[in-house]
Amino acid sequence: MWPIVFFGLFIASLAGWLFTWWRQRIRIRQLERSKEEIQIEETLVFDFLHGLGEAFTETIRAADLHRLIVEGASRVLDAQGGALYMMERAGGKLAPSFISKGCPPFIDVPTHILQQAASNSAALESYLRLHAIPPGEGIIGRVWQTREPVLLTDLANAPELAGLRGTSLGAASVMVTPLLYGKQNMGVLALGNGPSSPSFTPSDFVVFKSIAEQSAFALYNAIIYSEANEKKRLDHDLEIARDIQRILLPSEAPVIPGFEISGINIPARHVSGDYFDYLTVDNDKLGVAIADVSGKGVPASIIMAICRSVLRSQAAGNPSPADVLQKVNRQLYPDIKEDMFISMAYVILDHVHGAVTLSRAGHDAPILFDHIAGTAVPVKPPGMVLGIDSGSVFDRITGDFSLSLKPNDCLLLYTDGVTEALDGNGDEFGPERMIECVRASAPEGAPAIITGLIDELRSFVGAQPQNDDITLIAIRKT
């Protein structure tokens, strides 16, 4: 009796041990498979993050980064497809930056496009790649507007997607998230699975949001690099423009019997809207021009170049500065925008007769220094700026004005960048201070006037940045 009992207990213990061993083997295999899946997922995530790391270099193109984000997120989460929508530069809509092959549409597709897609898949792809999304339109527009990520396994809340559910084109579950970095809302990332693929889980959604955070950081960094590179290109172009403009402006003053001339141009930016020039009128006469185009930077410099060309075409052989300015105005008027104009002063020096003739087109009044009296006063012949009147008023107002310069008398032409220079308290340099500087330095000659004014200006403004172009021309009768 007892042997049979012991044998039965032995068999039962053996069976229990075998069952436990079998259960443990199954559990070990499950753990090994889970470990392999985790390792695969870790590898995919690592590869994805490694790819995003290229966004922190200057070598990756924006299109490649967009593709990497969508395809990397799809691989990590085993999605059927994905799409990345980025904010347009104008900021009003989202434009598709990358849509992967086989990606379910995330927008409402018109019936006629679906009918075309039945025979030509390119029709749907073209529509999706060309359709920009305004805020609030569909699931993409709503997520962008609300800045909240969503996981949808029931498409009842997305009617634009529910219409295709159950078809080969439709999505059964989607994850959509805004791409946020700080206050920047750069776009939307979306992943979708069709009816033949498993639905996304809450765990997938957690990973998806983490991927979106890293992607947003990479995109923002890529945008910063892109803007920096664009600035470098613009700076390079501006350097070239400055070199070209430097060629257009005279490098040194001409030598003319009976007169001493000195001039300088200091742009506030890379290029200047100020202009000065020395023009040969004929064998006896030299023209001296100074001008200031409204505005600053590239637009003003372009108008300046046009003005130079027109003035040079009209100056040769014409002894009347007013007539030259009238002809320049008639040529420039049709091509200057309504909010732009040019002020100019044009002087003709006749070294044979020692005569000086001035015409002023709305420009700052030149300063005349009388050597004997020791006075410096503005000279204000009438005139209006170039480019705001076709000629009927301009021609009537603008005329020639003769100046009588005795030996050692000086004439200073300048732009308002001198008088309107600001110090640290916001006070202007002003015409009175400029006149005093002219009186102090004019007895020493034309170059001394320029040097004295520039030194006084720099002392006045201190560390304040230059806020306007500065041009000075001093003429002394010898």
Protein backbone atom coordinates (compact mmCIF):
# COMPACT_ATOMS: atom_id res chain seq x y z
CA MET A 1 0.00 0.00 0.00
CA TRP A 2 2.68 2.57 1.05
CA PRO A 3 4.90 1.90 -2.00
CA ILE A 4 1.98 2.71 -4.26
CA VAL A 5 1.29 5.94 -2.33
CA PHE A 6 4.94 6.97 -2.47
CA PHE A 7 5.09 6.15 -6.19
CA GLY A 8 1.99 8.26 -6.82
CA LEU A 9 3.44 11.16 -4.87
CA PHE A 10 6.66 10.82 -6.85
CA ILE A 11 4.81 10.87 -10.16
CA ALA A 12 2.74 13.88 -9.01
CA SER A 13 5.87 15.75 -7.90
CA LEU A 14 7.60 14.93 -11.17
CA ALA A 15 4.58 16.12 -13.16
CA GLY A 16 4.44 19.32 -11.10
CA TRP A 17 8.12 19.92 -11.62
CA LEU A 18 7.82 19.30 -15.39
CA PHE A 19 4.81 21.64 -15.60
CA THR A 20 6.66 24.33 -13.67
CA TRP A 21 9.75 23.88 -15.88
CA TRP A 22 7.59 24.11 -19.00
CA ARG A 23 5.86 27.29 -17.73
CA GLN A 24 9.23 28.83 -16.86
CA ARG A 25 10.57 28.00 -20.32
CA ILE A 26 7.59 29.72 -21.92
CA ARG A 27 8.03 32.73 -19.66
CA ILE A 28 11.76 32.87 -20.40
CA ARG A 29 11.01 32.76 -24.13
CA GLN A 30 8.45 35.54 -23.72
CA LEU A 31 10.96 37.61 -21.78
CA GLU A 32 13.61 36.94 -24.42
CA ARG A 33 11.19 38.01 -27.16
CA SER A 34 10.27 41.12 -25.14
CA LYS A 35 13.95 41.85 -24.67
CA GLU A 36 14.57 41.46 -28.38
CA GLU A 37 11.62 43.75 -29.16
CA ILE A 38 12.90 46.31 -26.66
CA GLN A 39 16.39 46.08 -28.14
CA ILE A 40 14.97 46.51 -31.63
CA GLU A 41 12.91 49.48 -30.46
CA GLU A 42 15.95 50.93 -28.70
CA THR A 43 17.98 50.51 -31.87
CA LEU A 44 15.29 52.19 -33.94
CA VAL A 45 15.01 55.05 -31.47
CA PHE A 46 18.80 55.39 -31.30
CA ASP A 47 19.05 55.43 -35.09
CA PHE A 48 16.29 58.02 -35.21
CA LEU A 49 17.98 60.26 -32.63
CA HIS A 50 21.33 59.78 -34.35
CA GLY A 51 19.76 60.93 -37.60
CA LEU A 52 18.27 63.96 -35.87
CA GLY A 53 21.74 64.77 -34.62
CA GLU A 54 22.64 65.74 -38.17
CA ALA A 55 20.26 68.65 -37.78
CA PHE A 56 22.82 70.15 -35.40
CA THR A 57 25.29 70.45 -38.26
CA GLU A 58 25.19 72.73 -41.27
CA THR A 59 25.24 69.85 -43.75
CA ILE A 60 21.70 68.43 -43.67
CA ARG A 61 19.15 69.85 -46.08
CA ALA A 62 15.68 70.75 -44.82
CA ALA A 63 14.03 68.24 -47.18
CA ASP A 64 16.27 65.44 -45.88
CA LEU A 65 15.50 66.30 -42.27
CA HIS A 66 11.74 66.30 -42.96
CA ARG A 67 11.97 62.88 -44.62
CA LEU A 68 14.10 61.54 -41.76
CA ILE A 69 11.56 62.64 -39.13
CA VAL A 70 8.58 61.06 -40.87
CA GLU A 71 10.27 57.82 -41.91
CA GLY A 72 12.07 57.49 -38.57
CA ALA A 73 8.88 57.96 -36.55
CA SER A 74 7.06 55.49 -38.81
CA ARG A 75 9.77 52.85 -38.27
CA VAL A 76 9.91 53.28 -34.50
CA LEU A 77 6.11 53.01 -34.14
CA ASP A 78 5.59 50.54 -37.01
CA ALA A 79 3.15 52.93 -38.71
CA GLN A 80 1.75 52.50 -42.20
CA GLY A 81 2.81 56.04 -43.09
CA GLY A 82 3.24 59.58 -41.89
CA ALA A 83 3.23 63.21 -42.92
CA LEU A 84 4.96 66.38 -41.81
CA TYR A 85 3.31 69.75 -42.29
CA MET A 86 5.38 72.91 -41.71
CA MET A 87 4.24 76.49 -41.27
CA GLU A 88 4.61 78.57 -44.42
CA ARG A 89 6.93 81.57 -44.27
CA ALA A 90 3.95 83.90 -44.45
CA GLY A 91 2.65 82.13 -41.34
CA GLY A 92 -0.94 81.71 -42.45
CA LYS A 93 -1.10 78.02 -43.41
CA LEU A 94 0.55 74.64 -43.04
CA ALA A 95 2.20 73.24 -46.15
CA PRO A 96 3.06 69.54 -46.60
CA SER A 97 6.82 69.13 -46.31
CA PHE A 98 6.99 65.33 -46.56
CA ILE A 99 4.35 62.61 -47.02
CA SER A 100 5.55 59.01 -47.03
CA LYS A 101 4.48 56.41 -49.54
CA GLY A 102 1.28 54.61 -48.56
CA CYS A 103 0.38 57.24 -45.98
CA PRO A 104 -3.39 57.48 -45.38
CA PRO A 105 -4.75 60.98 -46.16
CA PHE A 106 -5.11 63.18 -43.10
CA ILE A 107 -7.32 65.68 -44.91
CA ASP A 108 -10.69 65.62 -46.62
CA VAL A 109 -10.16 64.47 -50.21
CA PRO A 110 -12.67 65.64 -52.86
CA THR A 111 -14.70 62.94 -54.59
CA HIS A 112 -13.30 63.70 -58.04
CA ILE A 113 -9.73 63.23 -56.74
CA LEU A 114 -10.69 59.85 -55.26
CA GLN A 115 -12.22 58.84 -58.58
CA GLN A 116 -9.01 59.79 -60.39
CA ALA A 117 -6.93 57.97 -57.76
CA ALA A 118 -8.76 54.75 -58.53
CA SER A 119 -6.93 54.58 -61.86
CA ASN A 120 -4.01 56.92 -61.18
CA SER A 121 -2.42 56.98 -57.72
CA ALA A 122 -0.39 60.06 -58.67
CA ALA A 123 -3.58 62.15 -58.65
CA LEU A 124 -4.03 61.66 -54.90
CA GLU A 125 -0.33 62.18 -54.17
CA SER A 126 -0.31 65.43 -56.15
CA TYR A 127 -3.40 66.72 -54.34
CA LEU A 128 -1.98 65.92 -50.90
CA ARG A 129 1.39 67.53 -51.68
CA LEU A 130 -0.17 70.73 -53.02
CA HIS A 131 -2.93 71.24 -50.44
CA ALA A 132 -2.06 73.80 -47.76
CA ILE A 133 -4.08 73.69 -44.53
CA PRO A 134 -5.37 76.79 -42.70
CA PRO A 135 -5.72 76.80 -38.90
CA GLY A 136 -8.70 74.76 -37.70
CA GLU A 137 -9.23 72.79 -40.92
CA GLY A 138 -9.44 69.05 -40.29
CA ILE A 139 -7.46 67.12 -37.72
CA ILE A 140 -4.17 68.68 -38.88
CA GLY A 141 -5.45 72.25 -38.67
CA ARG A 142 -7.16 71.67 -35.33
CA VAL A 143 -4.07 70.19 -33.69
CA TRP A 144 -1.97 73.08 -35.02
CA GLN A 145 -4.49 75.59 -33.69
CA THR A 146 -5.06 74.00 -30.28
CA ARG A 147 -1.40 72.96 -29.82
CA GLU A 148 -2.63 69.69 -28.26
CA PRO A 149 -1.60 66.18 -29.51
CA VAL A 150 -4.34 63.63 -30.18
CA LEU A 151 -4.62 59.83 -30.50
CA LEU A 152 -7.67 58.65 -32.44
CA THR A 153 -8.72 55.03 -32.73
CA ASP A 154 -12.35 56.01 -33.23
CA LEU A 155 -12.62 58.42 -36.14
CA ALA A 156 -16.06 59.69 -35.20
CA ASN A 157 -14.40 62.94 -34.07
CA ALA A 158 -12.62 63.31 -37.40
CA PRO A 159 -15.33 63.23 -40.09
CA GLU A 160 -12.80 64.15 -42.79
CA LEU A 161 -11.09 60.80 -42.08
CA ALA A 162 -14.16 58.71 -41.32
CA GLY A 163 -15.33 58.96 -44.92
CA LEU A 164 -12.45 56.76 -46.12
CA ARG A 165 -12.50 54.33 -43.21
CA GLY A 166 -12.71 50.75 -44.36
CA THR A 167 -11.24 51.51 -47.78
CA SER A 168 -7.70 50.79 -48.91
CA LEU A 169 -6.93 54.52 -48.65
CA GLY A 170 -8.47 55.16 -45.25
CA ALA A 171 -6.92 55.29 -41.80
CA ALA A 172 -8.19 53.28 -38.85
CA SER A 173 -6.09 55.00 -36.18
CA VAL A 174 -3.99 58.16 -36.22
CA MET A 175 -1.64 60.11 -33.96
CA VAL A 176 -1.19 63.83 -34.57
CA THR A 177 0.94 66.30 -32.61
CA PRO A 178 2.06 69.90 -32.95
CA LEU A 179 5.80 70.52 -33.22
CA LEU A 180 6.43 72.95 -30.40
CA TYR A 181 9.72 74.47 -29.27
CA GLY A 182 9.29 77.20 -26.69
CA LYS A 183 6.69 79.57 -28.12
CA GLN A 184 7.39 78.39 -31.65
CA ASN A 185 4.64 76.30 -33.27
CA MET A 186 6.49 75.09 -36.34
CA GLY A 187 4.05 72.54 -37.74
CA VAL A 188 2.39 69.17 -37.27
CA LEU A 189 3.58 65.55 -37.37
CA ALA A 190 1.03 62.82 -38.09
CA LEU A 191 1.20 59.00 -38.27
CA GLY A 192 -1.55 56.72 -39.53
CA ASN A 193 -2.42 53.01 -39.68
CA GLY A 194 -4.93 51.49 -42.07
CA PRO A 195 -7.58 48.87 -41.28
CA SER A 196 -5.13 46.02 -41.91
CA SER A 197 -2.64 47.34 -39.33
CA PRO A 198 -3.00 47.28 -35.53
CA SER A 199 -4.33 50.39 -33.86
CA PHE A 200 -1.94 52.66 -32.02
CA THR A 201 -1.83 52.16 -28.25
CA PRO A 202 -1.44 54.66 -25.41
CA SER A 203 2.16 53.45 -25.07
CA ASP A 204 2.72 54.25 -28.75
CA PHE A 205 1.27 57.69 -28.11
CA VAL A 206 3.78 58.35 -25.30
CA VAL A 207 6.69 57.40 -27.58
CA PHE A 208 5.16 59.45 -30.41
CA LYS A 209 5.04 62.60 -28.27
CA SER A 210 8.66 62.07 -27.21
CA ILE A 211 9.68 61.74 -30.85
CA ALA A 212 7.79 64.94 -31.65
CA GLU A 213 9.64 66.84 -28.90
CA GLN A 214 13.02 65.77 -30.25
CA SER A 215 11.91 66.48 -33.83
CA ALA A 216 10.74 69.97 -32.90
CA PHE A 217 14.11 70.71 -31.31
CA ALA A 218 15.92 69.46 -34.42
CA LEU A 219 13.65 71.46 -36.74
CA TYR A 220 14.13 74.63 -34.73
CA ASN A 221 17.87 74.14 -34.76
CA ALA A 222 17.83 73.53 -38.52
CA ILE A 223 15.82 76.73 -39.01
CA ILE A 224 18.39 78.67 -36.97
CA TYR A 225 21.22 77.23 -39.08
CA SER A 226 19.30 78.04 -42.26
CA GLU A 227 18.69 81.63 -41.17
CA ALA A 228 22.34 81.99 -40.17
CA ASN A 229 23.48 80.69 -43.55
CA GLU A 230 21.02 82.98 -45.30
CA LYS A 231 22.40 85.91 -43.33
CA LYS A 232 25.92 84.92 -44.37
CA ARG A 233 24.85 84.88 -48.01
CA LEU A 234 23.13 88.25 -47.63
CA ASP A 235 26.16 89.71 -45.88
CA HIS A 236 28.35 88.43 -48.70
CA ASP A 237 26.04 89.99 -51.29
CA LEU A 238 26.03 93.26 -49.34
CA GLU A 239 29.82 93.23 -49.22
CA ILE A 240 29.86 92.93 -53.00
CA ALA A 241 27.27 95.73 -53.27
CA ARG A 242 29.40 97.91 -51.00
CA ASP A 243 32.47 97.26 -53.16
CA ILE A 244 30.49 98.17 -56.28
CA GLN A 245 29.17 101.34 -54.65
CA ARG A 246 32.66 102.27 -53.55
CA ILE A 247 33.65 102.15 -57.20
CA LEU A 248 30.72 104.42 -58.13
CA LEU A 249 31.73 107.06 -55.57
CA PRO A 250 34.89 109.11 -56.22
CA SER A 251 37.97 107.83 -54.42
CA GLU A 252 39.67 111.22 -54.38
CA ALA A 253 38.91 114.83 -55.16
CA PRO A 254 39.97 116.27 -58.53
CA VAL A 255 42.62 118.92 -58.86
CA ILE A 256 41.14 122.12 -60.32
CA PRO A 257 42.92 125.48 -60.58
CA GLY A 258 41.62 128.06 -58.15
CA PHE A 259 39.80 125.59 -55.87
CA GLU A 260 40.62 123.05 -53.18
CA ILE A 261 38.10 120.21 -52.77
CA SER A 262 37.75 117.46 -50.17
CA GLY A 263 34.93 114.94 -49.75
CA ILE A 264 33.95 111.85 -47.75
CA ASN A 265 31.08 109.33 -47.54
CA ILE A 266 30.47 107.18 -44.43
CA PRO A 267 27.55 104.73 -44.88
CA ALA A 268 25.41 103.82 -41.88
CA ARG A 269 24.99 100.30 -43.25
CA HIS A 270 26.80 98.17 -45.81
CA VAL A 271 25.57 100.41 -48.60
CA SER A 272 24.66 104.07 -48.64
CA GLY A 273 21.72 106.11 -49.93
CA ASP A 274 23.95 109.19 -49.99
CA TYR A 275 25.68 110.17 -53.20
CA PHE A 276 28.40 112.61 -54.17
CA ASP A 277 30.26 113.04 -57.40
CA TYR A 278 32.64 115.21 -59.39
CA LEU A 279 31.64 115.69 -63.02
CA THR A 280 33.54 117.26 -65.91
CA VAL A 281 31.21 119.78 -67.54
CA ASP A 282 33.73 121.09 -70.09
CA ASN A 283 37.36 122.18 -70.15
CA ASP A 284 36.64 125.18 -67.92
CA LYS A 285 34.04 123.84 -65.51
CA LEU A 286 33.68 121.08 -62.90
CA GLY A 287 30.39 119.93 -61.43
CA VAL A 288 30.15 118.94 -57.75
CA ALA A 289 27.01 117.03 -56.71
CA ILE A 290 25.71 115.78 -53.38
CA ALA A 291 22.43 113.89 -52.87
CA ASP A 292 20.48 112.02 -50.24
CA VAL A 293 17.93 109.34 -51.18
CA SER A 294 15.06 108.90 -48.72
CA GLY A 295 15.49 105.71 -46.71
CA LYS A 296 18.56 103.60 -46.13
CA GLY A 297 20.16 100.37 -47.22
CA VAL A 298 19.80 98.52 -50.50
CA PRO A 299 16.66 100.27 -51.93
CA ALA A 300 18.21 103.69 -51.37
CA SER A 301 21.54 102.57 -52.86
CA ILE A 302 19.80 101.35 -56.02
CA ILE A 303 18.06 104.71 -56.49
CA MET A 304 21.39 106.39 -55.83
CA ALA A 305 23.03 104.42 -58.64
CA ILE A 306 20.20 105.34 -61.02
CA CYS A 307 20.49 109.00 -60.01
CA ARG A 308 24.24 108.96 -60.65
CA SER A 309 23.76 107.56 -64.14
CA VAL A 310 21.08 110.09 -65.09
CA LEU A 311 23.02 113.04 -63.65
CA ARG A 312 26.17 112.09 -65.53
CA SER A 313 24.23 111.79 -68.78
CA GLN A 314 22.87 115.35 -68.39
CA ALA A 315 25.87 117.17 -66.88
CA ALA A 316 28.29 117.12 -69.81
CA GLY A 317 28.36 120.45 -71.64
CA ASN A 318 25.55 122.04 -69.58
CA PRO A 319 26.72 125.13 -67.60
CA SER A 320 23.39 125.53 -65.77
CA PRO A 321 23.05 123.37 -62.65
CA ALA A 322 19.32 124.15 -62.42
CA ASP A 323 18.73 123.00 -66.01
CA VAL A 324 20.61 119.78 -65.26
CA LEU A 325 18.50 119.10 -62.16
CA GLN A 326 15.29 119.81 -64.09
CA LYS A 327 16.23 117.24 -66.73
CA VAL A 328 17.27 114.72 -64.07
CA ASN A 329 13.94 115.18 -62.29
CA ARG A 330 11.94 114.58 -65.48
CA GLN A 331 13.83 111.33 -66.11
CA LEU A 332 13.61 110.02 -62.56
CA TYR A 333 10.01 111.00 -61.78
CA PRO A 334 8.26 108.09 -63.64
CA ASP A 335 10.47 105.46 -61.98
CA ILE A 336 10.51 106.58 -58.33
CA LYS A 337 7.95 105.16 -55.91
CA GLU A 338 5.52 107.57 -54.29
CA ASP A 339 7.15 107.21 -50.88
CA MET A 340 10.68 107.94 -52.15
CA PHE A 341 12.46 111.11 -53.22
CA ILE A 342 15.95 112.55 -53.67
CA SER A 343 17.34 115.77 -52.29
CA MET A 344 20.31 117.18 -54.19
CA ALA A 345 22.61 120.16 -54.41
CA TYR A 346 24.64 120.72 -57.56
CA VAL A 347 27.47 123.22 -57.86
CA ILE A 348 29.39 124.18 -61.00
CA LEU A 349 32.89 125.63 -60.50
CA ASP A 350 34.29 127.77 -63.33
CA HIS A 351 38.03 127.90 -62.73
CA VAL A 352 38.64 130.31 -65.64
CA HIS A 353 36.35 133.04 -64.30
CA GLY A 354 36.40 131.91 -60.64
CA ALA A 355 32.60 131.69 -60.66
CA VAL A 356 30.47 129.36 -58.51
CA THR A 357 26.87 128.55 -59.46
CA LEU A 358 24.59 126.54 -57.14
CA SER A 359 21.20 124.90 -57.60
CA ARG A 360 19.44 123.25 -54.67
CA ALA A 361 16.75 120.56 -55.10
CA GLY A 362 15.34 120.48 -51.58
CA HIS A 363 18.73 119.61 -50.10
CA ASP A 364 20.15 120.83 -46.79
CA ALA A 365 21.36 124.42 -47.17
CA PRO A 366 25.11 124.57 -47.86
CA ILE A 367 27.26 126.52 -45.40
CA LEU A 368 29.24 129.48 -46.78
CA PHE A 369 32.29 130.54 -44.77
CA ASP A 370 33.46 134.14 -45.26
CA HIS A 371 37.20 134.26 -44.51
CA ILE A 372 37.38 138.01 -43.96
CA ALA A 373 34.27 138.32 -41.78
CA GLY A 374 34.90 134.98 -40.03
CA THR A 375 31.24 134.04 -40.42
CA ALA A 376 29.59 130.80 -41.55
CA VAL A 377 25.98 131.06 -42.75
CA PRO A 378 23.59 128.73 -44.63
CA VAL A 379 22.84 129.47 -48.28
CA LYS A 380 19.18 128.85 -49.08
CA PRO A 381 18.23 129.21 -52.74
CA PRO A 382 14.72 127.81 -53.39
CA GLY A 383 14.14 124.32 -54.79
CA MET A 384 12.15 121.12 -54.27
CA VAL A 385 13.25 117.50 -54.01
CA LEU A 386 13.56 115.27 -57.07
CA GLY A 387 10.95 112.67 -57.90
CA ILE A 388 7.72 114.06 -56.42
CA ASP A 389 6.69 116.37 -59.28
CA SER A 390 6.75 115.71 -63.01
CA GLY A 391 8.36 119.09 -63.68
CA SER A 392 5.69 121.80 -63.82
CA VAL A 393 6.30 122.90 -60.23
CA PHE A 394 9.91 121.72 -59.94
CA ASP A 395 11.07 123.73 -62.97
CA ARG A 396 9.41 126.90 -61.71
CA ILE A 397 10.94 126.71 -58.23
CA THR A 398 14.43 125.39 -58.94
CA GLY A 399 16.88 127.92 -60.40
CA ASP A 400 20.55 128.91 -60.59
CA PHE A 401 22.10 130.85 -57.72
CA SER A 402 25.47 132.61 -58.14
CA LEU A 403 27.91 132.66 -55.24
CA SER A 404 30.78 135.09 -54.91
CA LEU A 405 33.70 133.33 -53.27
CA LYS A 406 36.78 135.33 -52.37
CA PRO A 407 40.15 133.67 -51.74
CA ASN A 408 40.03 131.40 -48.66
CA ASP A 409 36.22 131.45 -48.56
CA CYS A 410 34.73 127.94 -48.20
CA LEU A 411 31.50 126.20 -49.14
CA LEU A 412 30.38 123.07 -47.26
CA LEU A 413 27.90 120.60 -48.76
CA TYR A 414 26.56 117.93 -46.39
CA THR A 415 23.73 115.45 -45.81
CA ASP A 416 21.46 115.34 -42.79
CA GLY A 417 23.36 112.38 -41.36
CA VAL A 418 25.66 115.06 -39.93
CA THR A 419 23.14 117.38 -38.29
CA GLU A 420 20.82 114.55 -37.15
CA ALA A 421 23.52 112.41 -35.52
CA LEU A 422 22.45 111.48 -31.96
CA ASP A 423 24.39 111.23 -28.73
CA GLY A 424 23.67 108.88 -25.84
CA ASN A 425 20.93 111.17 -24.52
CA GLY A 426 19.12 111.33 -27.86
CA ASP A 427 20.23 114.92 -28.57
CA GLU A 428 21.07 115.92 -32.15
CA PHE A 429 24.41 117.26 -33.30
CA GLY A 430 22.46 120.07 -34.95
CA PRO A 431 23.27 122.78 -37.53
CA GLU A 432 24.56 125.28 -34.94
CA ARG A 433 27.28 122.93 -33.70
CA MET A 434 28.20 122.12 -37.32
CA ILE A 435 28.48 125.82 -38.20
CA GLU A 436 30.74 126.47 -35.22
CA CYS A 437 32.94 123.58 -36.28
CA VAL A 438 33.17 125.02 -39.82
CA ARG A 439 34.14 128.44 -38.47
CA ALA A 440 36.86 126.89 -36.35
CA SER A 441 38.42 124.67 -39.03
CA ALA A 442 37.77 126.51 -42.34
CA PRO A 443 40.83 128.83 -42.09
CA GLU A 444 43.02 125.72 -42.34
CA GLY A 445 41.50 124.58 -45.68
CA ALA A 446 38.96 122.13 -47.14
CA PRO A 447 40.51 118.90 -45.76
CA ALA A 448 40.62 120.45 -42.29
CA ILE A 449 36.87 121.14 -42.43
CA ILE A 450 36.15 117.48 -43.17
CA THR A 451 38.58 116.18 -40.54
CA GLY A 452 37.36 118.64 -37.90
CA LEU A 453 33.69 117.79 -38.47
CA ILE A 454 34.25 114.03 -38.39
CA ASP A 455 36.30 114.30 -35.18
CA GLU A 456 33.67 116.52 -33.57
CA LEU A 457 30.90 114.11 -34.63
CA ARG A 458 32.68 111.07 -33.20
CA SER A 459 33.32 112.88 -29.94
CA PHE A 460 29.66 113.93 -29.76
CA VAL A 461 27.99 110.57 -30.47
CA GLY A 462 30.46 108.50 -28.45
CA ALA A 463 29.54 104.82 -28.54
CA GLN A 464 26.14 105.42 -30.17
CA PRO A 465 25.71 103.59 -33.51
CA GLN A 466 25.54 105.72 -36.64
CA ASN A 467 21.86 106.06 -37.59
CA ASP A 468 22.19 107.66 -41.04
CA ASP A 469 24.62 107.97 -43.92
CA ILE A 470 27.10 110.85 -43.67
CA THR A 471 28.49 112.73 -46.67
CA LEU A 472 30.58 115.90 -46.64
CA ILE A 473 32.15 117.98 -49.43
CA ALA A 474 34.21 121.07 -48.64
CA ILE A 475 35.23 123.56 -51.38
CA ARG A 476 37.77 126.34 -50.73
CA LYS A 477 38.53 129.19 -53.10
CA THR A 478 42.31 129.50 -53.35
